[in-house]
Amino acid sequence: MLRESALPILELFQELTMADVAFVVTMAAVFALVALIAKGVSKL
């Protein structure tokens, strides 16, 4: 019973994990970009 109900949850977890990884990478890239812009502005 547990194994049958665990499969869809596992698939859902994998999809959520991939979405979370993509989200975190995107946020990290945006944060790095903002930090670079802030450094450039502070030099001016």
Protein backbone atom coordinates (compact mmCIF):
# COMPACT_ATOMS: atom_id res chain seq x y z
CA MET A 1 0.00 0.00 0.00
CA LEU A 2 2.79 2.40 0.91
CA ARG A 3 4.82 1.58 -2.20
CA GLU A 4 1.86 2.25 -4.53
CA SER A 5 1.16 5.67 -3.02
CA ALA A 6 4.88 6.56 -2.80
CA LEU A 7 5.52 6.44 -6.56
CA PRO A 8 3.44 9.51 -7.56
CA ILE A 9 4.82 11.41 -4.57
CA LEU A 10 8.36 10.54 -5.65
CA GLU A 11 7.68 11.75 -9.21
CA LEU A 12 6.12 14.95 -7.88
CA PHE A 13 9.10 15.47 -5.56
CA GLN A 14 11.52 15.06 -8.49
CA GLU A 15 9.60 17.65 -10.55
CA LEU A 16 9.50 20.06 -7.61
CA THR A 17 13.21 19.50 -6.96
CA MET A 18 14.11 20.31 -10.58
CA ALA A 19 11.90 23.42 -10.44
CA ASP A 20 13.51 24.42 -7.12
CA VAL A 21 17.02 23.94 -8.55
CA ALA A 22 16.17 26.07 -11.60
CA PHE A 23 14.63 28.73 -9.33
CA VAL A 24 17.64 28.84 -7.01
CA VAL A 25 20.08 29.04 -9.95
CA THR A 26 18.04 31.88 -11.50
CA MET A 27 17.89 33.77 -8.20
CA ALA A 28 21.64 33.28 -7.68
CA ALA A 29 22.32 34.65 -11.18
CA VAL A 30 20.06 37.67 -10.56
CA PHE A 31 21.70 38.28 -7.16
CA ALA A 32 25.20 38.08 -8.72
CA LEU A 33 24.13 40.50 -11.47
CA VAL A 34 22.74 42.97 -8.91
CA ALA A 35 25.94 42.67 -6.86
CA LEU A 36 28.07 43.37 -9.95
CA ILE A 37 25.93 46.42 -10.83
CA ALA A 38 26.19 47.65 -7.22
CA LYS A 39 29.99 47.30 -7.34
CA GLY A 40 30.13 49.20 -10.65
CA VAL A 41 27.88 51.98 -9.30
CA SER A 42 29.89 52.31 -6.08
CA LYS A 43 33.07 52.86 -8.14
CA LEU A 44 31.40 55.78 -9.91
